[in-house]
């Protein structure tokens, strides 16, 4: 049934008492991040700011996820970080992206088994456009597996009304 009406033998159909918005929130709580991840745009920490600016526009994303030579997730570089770096006046062709990126412990990330609702709340609370989806490695560091963005969450929300 749709959740609004329920049925019992010898009783028939009856109103379940759940308002429609409660049904939608119950359905949203079932969605897990790993089912909706998209491909992350990952760059090495020694990439120049100029190349990072080109990458962010060519890939049409709001955030780059930065890794070190071992593949460990070490930072996030947003459009704002790159704009700030380009306005400083230093040579952005030789400045590495690891100078302007946001580092641990100031990073926000989400594990792939977390709920989409948790990711949405974290993005609203921290006022960010996307989150890296990470797995913990054997060395205690993280590796980037994907990303989830505001656009992805909006698409999920809209699809609930189109069902």
Foldseek 3Di string as FASTA:
>chain_A
DLQQWDQDPPPGIDGNPDDPVNSLVVVQQPAFQLVQFAAAAEDEQQQFLVVVVVVCVVVVHFKYFYAYPVQFTFFIAGPVLSVVVVVVPDDRRRHTPNVSTDGPPPADAAERGHGPVVQVVVCVVVVDFKHFHWDQDPVRTIHGDGMDGPVSVVVVSVVVVVD
